[in-house]
Amino acid sequence: MKYRRFNYLKNSLILGVLLVIATACEREVSDQVEFATFPQNAEIFIDGFSGGLEYLPFQGSKLDAFSVDTETVYEGSASMRFDVPNFGDPAGSFAGAIFPDMGGRDLSDYDALTFWAKASKAATINEIGFGNDFGENKYLVTKQNLRISTAWTKYVIPIPDPFKLTMEKGLFWYAEGPEGGDGYSFWIDELKFEKLGTVAQPQPAIFGGEDLEAPAFIDIQGNIPREGLTQTFNLASGGNQTVQAAPSYFDFASSNPGVVLVSELGVLTPVGIGTTEITATLAGVKAKGSATLTVEGSFDFAPEPPVRDPADVISIFSEAYDNIAVDNYNGFFGGQTTTGGLVDLGIDQILIYENLNFVATSFTNPTVDVSGMTVLHVDIRTDEAIDPSDTLILELIDFGPDGTFGGGNDTGGGYTISSGELTSGNWVSFDIPISSFTNNTGGGLSGFVSGARANLAQFVFASGGISSIVVDNIYFYNE
């Protein structure tokens, strides 16, 4: 079998150990037991809400984005209206909510959520689906980028495995932002679950349908990334419909459970040294894709930074100090090939970058005054072979007195780390005087000038041959 090297940075498949051992006693169930059943009501909104339904907006959503409309309808006397706000609307930056029935419903007799919809203009709804209950979201289903037009059209969102939905609370949810900065309205009518009988040819996939390889570590637990879990059906129209499906729809298996255990929720728990293959089925159909995980022992974390007075530290990224507000750890600028960014290991966070040409950590809201600091500290590790000609360039970019990008007064300074200062497979701690950042960074920026660094906005890694790095503890301090 041919494998593609798995970029575990991007998909967060760095794994670890769960120090819990569960035991259970088996007992026979009495024939007299009557299990609780839930209503099989398929309707959500037909000229009004079905009984038990609630409306719960997401935090940050425009609270009055949803209303009942009696003028624009597909059928009957009322429809659901959603008003997506304009960009910058003080009442909310997007429209989004869930519509749960907290009593639960049995949806196992149906194979799809269906509805009719139209919009005030052609648009794309970011996310829409069912299974979101503001709780475990155990059977969450998401249809991303649903195209919607100005004409009433019927939409079908298939259920990955109906037999799982015997007590589902999350009946409907959506999240949508402005299109091109402008708001708009869309309507949904005849919202319900149906047994169509034309939802066929299931094609489940895990890990995006790819066969992956990844290292794993015995002190770090991880999750199978949800964005790679999909179920695809062929519909009556002849086209395929793909939805993102929660891990609980799948039945995962580890070829060597003595190395990695995998739970119903897609939690991967390394328990021993060795290699295993993670595969899955959905409703008895083998999912395309797999992950071969090699547990290599414990993860080698960066050394603990020395204890310093927090008043003498400005931290960009470190567990040892309070960090400043950071816009992002990877701005994905034009011409950039670098992937990766922040990886949460549960017991620590690190930055991992691959395919490195350059990458910027940005902190512009607000910019940071480091003129009172004297030294930059950063811990760097690379696991690749290092050639004598390899270098790694660190850059600091100041937005100048106006504190904004492109104002004509931006300045930058660079510092070059040589190959001899890096050791493959080991962390190296650097304490670099800020006065050493004197090289011109190019790109139209002048070098640091006296009095600059009062509006520092970006910290940049640029490769001179190094393709992947792991980073921790980026901070300035006054020595």
Protein backbone atom coordinates (compact mmCIF):
# COMPACT_ATOMS: atom_id res chain seq x y z
CA MET A 1 0.00 0.00 0.00
CA LYS A 2 1.31 3.42 -0.92
CA TYR A 3 1.25 6.02 1.86
CA ARG A 4 1.50 9.77 1.84
CA ARG A 5 3.52 11.24 4.69
CA PHE A 6 0.95 12.56 7.17
CA ASN A 7 1.24 16.23 8.15
CA TYR A 8 0.31 15.71 11.78
CA LEU A 9 0.75 19.41 12.48
CA LYS A 10 -2.17 20.47 10.37
CA ASN A 11 -4.50 17.68 11.40
CA SER A 12 -3.59 17.63 15.09
CA LEU A 13 -2.84 13.93 15.27
CA ILE A 14 -0.19 14.21 17.96
CA LEU A 15 -1.30 11.63 20.44
CA GLY A 16 -0.82 10.51 24.03
CA VAL A 17 -1.80 8.28 26.89
CA LEU A 18 -4.96 8.13 28.96
CA LEU A 19 -4.27 6.89 32.46
CA VAL A 20 -7.69 5.43 33.04
CA ILE A 21 -8.55 1.73 33.28
CA ALA A 22 -12.25 0.94 33.06
CA THR A 23 -13.75 -2.20 34.53
CA ALA A 24 -17.30 -3.44 34.30
CA CYS A 25 -19.44 -6.28 35.57
CA GLU A 26 -21.68 -8.04 33.06
CA ARG A 27 -25.24 -8.69 34.13
CA GLU A 28 -28.14 -10.11 32.21
CA VAL A 29 -31.01 -7.76 31.45
CA SER A 30 -34.38 -8.85 32.76
CA ASP A 31 -37.07 -9.64 30.21
CA GLN A 32 -39.37 -7.40 32.26
CA VAL A 33 -37.33 -4.24 31.53
CA GLU A 34 -39.05 -1.69 29.28
CA PHE A 35 -36.57 0.66 27.64
CA ALA A 36 -37.52 4.32 27.27
CA THR A 37 -38.68 5.35 23.81
CA PHE A 38 -38.66 8.79 22.23
CA PRO A 39 -41.21 10.43 19.92
CA GLN A 40 -40.71 9.85 16.19
CA ASN A 41 -41.94 13.31 15.23
CA ALA A 42 -40.18 14.19 11.95
CA GLU A 43 -41.40 17.78 11.67
CA ILE A 44 -39.31 20.77 12.71
CA PHE A 45 -41.04 23.74 11.05
CA ILE A 46 -44.25 23.35 9.06
CA ASP A 47 -46.08 26.72 9.28
CA GLY A 48 -44.73 26.86 12.83
CA PHE A 49 -42.47 25.03 15.25
CA SER A 50 -43.26 21.50 16.30
CA GLY A 51 -43.71 20.90 20.01
CA GLY A 52 -40.66 20.96 22.26
CA LEU A 53 -38.40 22.91 19.89
CA GLU A 54 -36.14 25.67 21.22
CA TYR A 55 -34.17 28.49 19.57
CA LEU A 56 -30.63 29.01 20.93
CA PRO A 57 -28.32 31.47 19.09
CA PHE A 58 -24.55 31.04 19.04
CA GLN A 59 -22.43 33.47 21.02
CA GLY A 60 -21.58 36.43 18.81
CA SER A 61 -24.55 35.83 16.52
CA LYS A 62 -27.05 38.56 15.73
CA LEU A 63 -29.71 37.60 18.25
CA ASP A 64 -32.69 38.65 16.14
CA ALA A 65 -31.36 37.08 12.93
CA PHE A 66 -34.21 34.54 12.98
CA SER A 67 -37.91 35.34 12.64
CA VAL A 68 -41.13 33.74 11.39
CA ASP A 69 -42.26 35.18 8.05
CA THR A 70 -45.90 34.99 6.90
CA GLU A 71 -45.37 36.72 3.56
CA THR A 72 -42.54 34.83 1.85
CA VAL A 73 -43.45 31.13 1.99
CA TYR A 74 -42.97 28.04 -0.16
CA GLU A 75 -46.12 26.33 1.06
CA GLY A 76 -48.69 27.01 3.75
CA SER A 77 -48.83 30.17 5.84
CA ALA A 78 -45.34 30.72 7.32
CA SER A 79 -41.64 30.13 6.79
CA MET A 80 -38.38 30.56 8.73
CA ARG A 81 -36.55 33.80 7.85
CA PHE A 82 -32.85 34.37 8.53
CA ASP A 83 -31.32 37.85 8.22
CA VAL A 84 -27.53 37.68 7.86
CA PRO A 85 -26.00 40.95 9.15
CA ASN A 86 -23.67 43.26 7.23
CA PHE A 87 -19.99 43.15 8.06
CA GLY A 88 -19.35 45.23 11.18
CA ASP A 89 -22.94 45.13 12.43
CA PRO A 90 -22.70 45.99 16.17
CA ALA A 91 -25.60 43.61 16.89
CA GLY A 92 -23.63 40.57 15.72
CA SER A 93 -20.98 39.54 13.24
CA PHE A 94 -22.90 36.57 11.80
CA ALA A 95 -26.18 34.66 11.99
CA GLY A 96 -26.19 31.26 13.65
CA ALA A 97 -28.24 29.14 16.03
CA ILE A 98 -29.36 25.65 16.95
CA PHE A 99 -32.95 24.41 17.14
CA PRO A 100 -32.96 21.53 19.63
CA ASP A 101 -35.63 19.42 21.26
CA MET A 102 -34.05 18.69 24.63
CA GLY A 103 -36.50 15.85 25.21
CA GLY A 104 -34.96 13.93 22.31
CA ARG A 105 -36.53 12.27 19.27
CA ASP A 106 -36.21 8.90 17.57
CA LEU A 107 -35.13 9.62 13.97
CA SER A 108 -34.05 6.08 13.10
CA ASP A 109 -36.89 5.62 10.56
CA TYR A 110 -35.69 8.50 8.36
CA ASP A 111 -32.74 8.85 6.00
CA ALA A 112 -32.47 12.61 5.44
CA LEU A 113 -33.20 16.11 6.69
CA THR A 114 -35.02 17.99 3.93
CA PHE A 115 -36.24 21.55 3.38
CA TRP A 116 -37.12 24.11 0.75
CA ALA A 117 -35.07 27.30 0.68
CA LYS A 118 -34.48 30.53 -1.25
CA ALA A 119 -32.49 33.73 -0.67
CA SER A 120 -32.63 37.42 -1.52
CA LYS A 121 -29.51 36.85 -3.64
CA ALA A 122 -27.41 33.90 -4.74
CA ALA A 123 -25.26 32.94 -1.76
CA THR A 124 -23.43 30.11 0.02
CA ILE A 125 -24.46 29.13 3.54
CA ASN A 126 -21.26 28.33 5.45
CA GLU A 127 -22.60 25.48 7.59
CA ILE A 128 -25.99 23.86 7.99
CA GLY A 129 -27.14 20.52 9.35
CA PHE A 130 -28.35 18.73 12.48
CA GLY A 131 -26.99 17.04 15.62
CA ASN A 132 -25.80 20.19 17.40
CA ASP A 133 -27.25 20.36 20.91
CA PHE A 134 -24.63 22.55 22.68
CA GLY A 135 -23.60 19.38 24.47
CA GLU A 136 -21.61 16.40 23.29
CA ASN A 137 -22.78 16.85 19.67
CA LYS A 138 -22.34 13.10 19.43
CA TYR A 139 -24.07 12.74 16.06
CA LEU A 140 -23.32 16.11 14.50
CA VAL A 141 -23.79 16.39 10.74
CA THR A 142 -22.55 19.41 8.78
CA LYS A 143 -23.14 20.34 5.18
CA GLN A 144 -20.58 22.99 4.31
CA ASN A 145 -20.94 25.66 1.62
CA LEU A 146 -24.54 25.01 0.67
CA ARG A 147 -25.30 26.95 -2.51
CA ILE A 148 -28.66 28.75 -2.39
CA SER A 149 -30.43 30.76 -5.11
CA THR A 150 -33.31 33.22 -5.41
CA ALA A 151 -35.73 30.44 -6.42
CA TRP A 152 -37.34 27.96 -4.06
CA THR A 153 -35.32 24.74 -4.21
CA LYS A 154 -35.51 21.51 -2.22
CA TYR A 155 -32.35 20.47 -0.35
CA VAL A 156 -31.44 17.07 1.07
CA ILE A 157 -28.95 16.50 3.88
CA PRO A 158 -28.60 12.72 4.32
CA ILE A 159 -28.23 10.98 7.68
CA PRO A 160 -24.94 9.01 7.73
CA ASP A 161 -26.49 6.16 9.76
CA PRO A 162 -30.14 6.58 10.85
CA PHE A 163 -30.00 3.66 13.29
CA LYS A 164 -27.75 5.75 15.57
CA LEU A 165 -30.39 8.46 16.03
CA THR A 166 -32.76 6.92 18.56
CA MET A 167 -32.69 9.87 20.99
CA GLU A 168 -31.39 12.89 19.06
CA LYS A 169 -31.76 16.39 20.53
CA GLY A 170 -30.14 18.54 17.87
CA LEU A 171 -32.72 18.81 15.10
CA PHE A 172 -31.33 21.71 13.06
CA TRP A 173 -28.51 24.26 13.10
CA TYR A 174 -26.85 26.79 10.83
CA ALA A 175 -24.07 29.39 10.77
CA GLU A 176 -23.63 32.02 8.06
CA GLY A 177 -21.72 35.28 7.70
CA PRO A 178 -21.94 38.23 5.30
CA GLU A 179 -21.34 37.53 1.63
CA GLY A 180 -18.65 39.90 0.36
CA GLY A 181 -19.20 42.00 3.46
CA ASP A 182 -22.90 42.48 2.74
CA GLY A 183 -25.77 40.88 4.58
CA TYR A 184 -28.77 39.22 2.96
CA SER A 185 -31.85 37.18 3.85
CA PHE A 186 -32.76 33.57 3.22
CA TRP A 187 -35.87 31.55 3.95
CA ILE A 188 -36.42 27.88 4.87
CA ASP A 189 -39.78 26.12 4.71
CA GLU A 190 -41.13 22.58 5.15
CA LEU A 191 -38.16 21.66 7.37
CA LYS A 192 -38.44 18.01 8.42
CA PHE A 193 -36.87 14.56 8.41
CA GLU A 194 -38.01 12.17 5.67
CA LYS A 195 -37.68 8.57 4.56
CA LEU A 196 -36.85 9.21 0.90
CA GLY A 197 -35.65 5.74 0.00
CA THR A 198 -33.42 7.28 -2.68
CA VAL A 199 -30.39 7.98 -0.47
CA ALA A 200 -28.05 5.29 -1.77
CA GLN A 201 -24.50 4.12 -2.50
CA PRO A 202 -22.80 5.18 0.78
CA GLN A 203 -19.14 6.15 0.48
CA PRO A 204 -17.75 6.91 3.97
CA ALA A 205 -14.24 8.28 4.44
CA ILE A 206 -11.85 9.02 7.29
CA PHE A 207 -8.72 11.18 7.19
CA GLY A 208 -10.05 12.76 4.00
CA GLY A 209 -9.99 9.35 2.31
CA GLU A 210 -6.19 9.20 2.40
CA ASP A 211 -3.82 6.58 3.79
CA LEU A 212 -1.68 8.50 6.23
CA GLU A 213 1.35 7.96 8.41
CA ALA A 214 1.99 9.81 11.67
CA PRO A 215 4.12 9.61 14.78
CA ALA A 216 2.36 9.32 18.12
CA PHE A 217 3.54 9.85 21.66
CA ILE A 218 2.70 7.93 24.78
CA ASP A 219 2.02 10.97 26.96
CA ILE A 220 -0.24 12.83 24.53
CA GLN A 221 -3.83 11.90 23.72
CA GLY A 222 -5.38 13.08 20.45
CA ASN A 223 -8.53 13.07 18.37
CA ILE A 224 -9.29 11.89 14.88
CA PRO A 225 -9.81 15.23 13.06
CA ARG A 226 -13.49 15.82 12.34
CA GLU A 227 -12.81 17.71 9.13
CA GLY A 228 -11.61 14.45 7.55
CA LEU A 229 -14.71 12.40 8.46
CA THR A 230 -17.30 12.36 5.69
CA GLN A 231 -20.21 10.35 4.36
CA THR A 232 -21.26 10.61 0.72
CA PHE A 233 -24.54 9.40 -0.76
CA ASN A 234 -25.96 9.38 -4.24
CA LEU A 235 -29.34 11.16 -4.34
CA ALA A 236 -32.37 10.82 -6.61
CA SER A 237 -31.11 13.75 -8.68
CA GLY A 238 -28.15 11.61 -9.71
CA GLY A 239 -25.64 13.81 -7.92
CA ASN A 240 -23.62 13.01 -4.83
CA GLN A 241 -24.09 14.79 -1.51
CA THR A 242 -21.22 14.81 0.99
CA VAL A 243 -21.58 15.79 4.64
CA GLN A 244 -19.16 15.93 7.53
CA ALA A 245 -20.06 13.26 10.07
CA ALA A 246 -19.16 13.11 13.76
CA PRO A 247 -16.80 10.32 14.90
CA SER A 248 -19.63 8.49 16.68
CA TYR A 249 -21.20 7.54 13.34
CA PHE A 250 -18.10 5.45 12.62
CA ASP A 251 -16.94 2.19 14.15
CA PHE A 252 -13.17 2.61 14.51
CA ALA A 253 -10.66 -0.20 14.87
CA SER A 254 -7.01 -0.35 15.84
CA SER A 255 -5.06 -3.25 14.31
CA ASN A 256 -2.90 -3.31 17.45
CA PRO A 257 -4.87 -2.15 20.51
CA GLY A 258 -1.79 -2.79 22.62
CA VAL A 259 -0.27 0.24 20.90
CA VAL A 260 -3.22 2.62 20.36
CA LEU A 261 -6.81 2.44 21.58
CA VAL A 262 -9.54 4.32 19.73
CA SER A 263 -12.83 5.25 21.38
CA GLU A 264 -16.35 5.68 20.05
CA LEU A 265 -15.76 9.45 20.04
CA GLY A 266 -12.62 9.14 17.95
CA VAL A 267 -10.19 9.65 20.86
CA LEU A 268 -6.83 8.02 20.16
CA THR A 269 -4.93 6.81 23.21
CA PRO A 270 -1.40 5.45 22.76
CA VAL A 271 -0.70 2.78 25.39
CA GLY A 272 2.48 1.08 24.16
CA ILE A 273 5.46 1.26 21.83
CA GLY A 274 4.89 -0.01 18.29
CA THR A 275 2.83 0.53 15.14
CA THR A 276 -0.88 0.20 14.46
CA GLU A 277 -3.33 1.00 11.67
CA ILE A 278 -6.55 2.91 12.39
CA THR A 279 -9.47 2.04 10.11
CA ALA A 280 -13.26 2.40 10.31
CA THR A 281 -16.63 1.31 9.00
CA LEU A 282 -19.89 3.24 8.85
CA ALA A 283 -23.12 1.25 8.88
CA GLY A 284 -21.12 -1.80 7.84
CA VAL A 285 -19.40 -0.11 4.89
CA LYS A 286 -15.61 0.16 5.05
CA ALA A 287 -14.49 3.78 5.10
CA LYS A 288 -11.90 4.95 2.62
CA GLY A 289 -8.70 6.12 4.32
CA SER A 290 -6.55 4.99 7.23
CA ALA A 291 -3.78 6.15 9.53
CA THR A 292 -0.69 4.16 10.40
CA LEU A 293 0.52 5.41 13.77
CA THR A 294 3.96 4.69 15.17
CA VAL A 295 4.25 5.27 18.91
CA GLU A 296 7.81 6.37 19.61
CA GLY A 297 7.72 6.91 23.36
CA SER A 298 7.24 10.22 25.15
CA PHE A 299 7.18 13.56 23.38
CA ASP A 300 10.26 15.70 23.95
CA PHE A 301 8.99 19.04 25.19
CA ALA A 302 11.02 22.21 25.15
CA PRO A 303 13.06 22.94 28.30
CA GLU A 304 11.35 24.96 30.97
CA PRO A 305 12.29 28.63 30.59
CA PRO A 306 14.05 30.32 33.52
CA VAL A 307 11.87 32.04 36.09
CA ARG A 308 11.81 35.80 35.48
CA ASP A 309 9.86 38.67 36.95
CA PRO A 310 6.74 38.94 34.75
CA ALA A 311 7.19 42.71 34.79
CA ASP A 312 10.39 42.17 32.78
CA VAL A 313 8.78 39.89 30.18
CA ILE A 314 6.59 40.41 27.12
CA SER A 315 5.49 36.95 26.00
CA ILE A 316 4.23 36.10 22.53
CA PHE A 317 3.94 32.34 23.02
CA SER A 318 4.78 30.53 26.25
CA GLU A 319 3.07 28.57 29.00
CA ALA A 320 5.41 30.20 31.53
CA TYR A 321 4.02 33.74 31.17
CA ASP A 322 0.83 35.57 30.25
CA ASN A 323 0.85 36.03 26.48
CA ILE A 324 -0.08 39.15 24.55
CA ALA A 325 -3.08 39.10 22.21
CA VAL A 326 -2.03 37.31 19.02
CA ASP A 327 -3.95 37.58 15.73
CA ASN A 328 -2.60 34.31 14.36
CA TYR A 329 0.45 32.06 14.36
CA ASN A 330 0.32 31.62 10.60
CA GLY A 331 -1.00 34.46 8.47
CA PHE A 332 -0.86 32.43 5.20
CA PHE A 333 0.46 35.34 3.15
CA GLY A 334 0.75 35.31 -0.65
CA GLY A 335 3.72 33.29 -1.87
CA GLN A 336 3.90 31.36 1.39
CA THR A 337 4.23 27.58 1.30
CA THR A 338 4.39 27.08 5.08
CA THR A 339 1.71 24.93 6.68
CA GLY A 340 0.97 24.33 10.34
CA GLY A 341 0.71 26.59 13.35
CA LEU A 342 -0.48 26.10 16.92
CA VAL A 343 -0.87 22.51 18.12
CA ASP A 344 -2.59 21.88 21.45
CA LEU A 345 -1.11 18.82 23.14
CA GLY A 346 -3.45 19.04 26.12
CA ILE A 347 -0.64 19.41 28.66
CA ASP A 348 1.19 22.02 26.58
CA GLN A 349 0.96 23.97 23.34
CA ILE A 350 3.64 24.20 20.68
CA LEU A 351 4.05 25.68 17.21
CA ILE A 352 4.91 23.33 14.37
CA TYR A 353 5.67 24.50 10.83
CA GLU A 354 6.33 22.39 7.74
CA ASN A 355 7.13 23.20 4.11
CA LEU A 356 8.76 26.30 5.54
CA ASN A 357 9.71 29.22 3.35
CA PHE A 358 8.43 31.96 5.66
CA VAL A 359 5.72 32.30 8.28
CA ALA A 360 4.60 35.20 10.48
CA THR A 361 3.07 35.38 13.92
CA SER A 362 1.05 38.61 13.92
CA PHE A 363 -0.03 40.74 16.87
CA THR A 364 -1.59 43.94 15.57
CA ASN A 365 -4.57 44.50 17.88
CA PRO A 366 -2.74 46.19 19.46
CA THR A 367 0.86 46.31 18.33
CA VAL A 368 3.45 45.81 21.11
CA ASP A 369 6.05 48.17 22.51
CA VAL A 370 9.24 46.17 23.16
CA SER A 371 11.54 49.18 23.30
CA GLY A 372 12.07 48.51 27.01
CA MET A 373 13.16 44.90 26.38
CA THR A 374 16.73 43.85 25.56
CA VAL A 375 16.61 40.13 24.61
CA LEU A 376 14.44 37.80 22.52
CA HIS A 377 14.13 34.20 23.74
CA VAL A 378 12.93 31.33 21.53
CA ASP A 379 13.23 27.52 21.70
CA ILE A 380 13.58 25.77 18.32
CA ARG A 381 13.79 22.14 17.30
CA THR A 382 14.18 20.52 13.89
CA ASP A 383 14.20 16.78 13.28
CA GLU A 384 15.56 16.82 9.75
CA ALA A 385 19.16 16.43 8.60
CA ILE A 386 20.94 19.79 8.66
CA ASP A 387 23.26 20.74 5.80
CA PRO A 388 26.24 23.05 6.49
CA SER A 389 24.70 25.71 4.24
CA ASP A 390 21.31 25.71 6.03
CA THR A 391 20.20 28.81 7.91
CA LEU A 392 17.09 29.96 9.75
CA ILE A 393 16.31 33.68 9.75
CA LEU A 394 14.31 35.37 12.51
CA GLU A 395 12.71 38.71 11.68
CA LEU A 396 11.00 41.41 13.74
CA ILE A 397 8.72 43.85 11.93
CA ASP A 398 7.64 47.19 13.41
CA PHE A 399 4.72 49.08 11.87
CA GLY A 400 6.29 52.44 12.67
CA PRO A 401 4.85 55.43 14.56
CA ASP A 402 1.42 55.09 12.90
CA GLY A 403 1.08 51.50 14.14
CA THR A 404 -0.41 50.30 10.84
CA PHE A 405 0.87 48.22 7.95
CA GLY A 406 1.99 50.03 4.81
CA GLY A 407 2.11 53.50 6.26
CA GLY A 408 5.51 54.17 4.74
CA ASN A 409 7.34 53.98 8.05
CA ASP A 410 7.41 50.20 8.64
CA THR A 411 10.83 48.87 9.63
CA GLY A 412 12.30 45.41 10.05
CA GLY A 413 15.32 43.67 11.43
CA GLY A 414 16.67 40.17 10.90
CA TYR A 415 18.94 37.73 12.71
CA THR A 416 20.42 34.64 11.04
CA ILE A 417 20.86 31.33 12.89
CA SER A 418 23.57 29.22 11.25
CA SER A 419 23.50 25.44 10.75
CA GLY A 420 26.10 25.01 13.46
CA GLU A 421 23.74 26.50 16.04
CA LEU A 422 21.03 23.88 15.38
CA THR A 423 21.12 20.21 16.39
CA SER A 424 18.85 17.75 14.61
CA GLY A 425 16.46 15.99 17.01
CA ASN A 426 17.10 18.35 19.93
CA TRP A 427 15.69 21.58 21.31
CA VAL A 428 18.03 24.58 21.20
CA SER A 429 17.36 27.68 23.30
CA PHE A 430 18.30 31.06 21.82
CA ASP A 431 18.66 34.30 23.76
CA ILE A 432 19.32 36.97 21.14
CA PRO A 433 19.95 40.65 21.96
CA ILE A 434 17.36 42.74 20.16
CA SER A 435 20.20 45.01 19.10
CA SER A 436 21.39 42.11 16.91
CA PHE A 437 18.32 42.42 14.69
CA THR A 438 19.98 44.88 12.34
CA ASN A 439 19.87 43.20 8.95
CA ASN A 440 17.56 44.64 6.32
CA THR A 441 14.66 42.20 5.86
CA GLY A 442 13.90 43.32 2.32
CA GLY A 443 10.37 43.56 0.96
CA GLY A 444 10.56 47.36 0.90
CA LEU A 445 11.28 47.60 4.63
CA SER A 446 14.17 49.61 5.94
CA GLY A 447 16.24 48.10 8.74
CA PHE A 448 15.49 48.88 12.37
CA VAL A 449 16.27 52.45 13.24
CA SER A 450 16.96 54.05 16.59
CA GLY A 451 13.75 54.29 18.58
CA ALA A 452 11.91 51.65 16.50
CA ARG A 453 10.28 48.57 18.11
CA ALA A 454 7.57 50.65 19.76
CA ASN A 455 4.87 49.22 17.47
CA LEU A 456 6.15 45.69 16.89
CA ALA A 457 3.55 43.70 14.95
CA GLN A 458 5.13 40.53 13.54
CA PHE A 459 7.65 37.84 14.39
CA VAL A 460 8.79 35.92 11.31
CA PHE A 461 10.64 32.68 10.58
CA ALA A 462 12.26 32.53 7.13
CA SER A 463 13.99 29.42 5.84
CA GLY A 464 17.46 29.26 4.39
CA GLY A 465 17.16 25.51 3.75
CA ILE A 466 15.31 24.28 6.85
CA SER A 467 11.90 22.83 5.90
CA SER A 468 10.31 22.00 9.27
CA ILE A 469 10.63 23.36 12.80
CA VAL A 470 8.98 22.98 16.20
CA VAL A 471 8.85 26.16 18.30
CA ASP A 472 8.05 27.09 21.90
CA ASN A 473 8.64 29.92 24.38
CA ILE A 474 8.81 33.06 22.26
CA TYR A 475 9.17 36.07 24.54
CA PHE A 476 11.10 39.28 25.08
CA TYR A 477 12.75 40.11 28.39
CA ASN A 478 14.75 42.90 29.95
CA GLU A 479 18.08 41.61 31.14
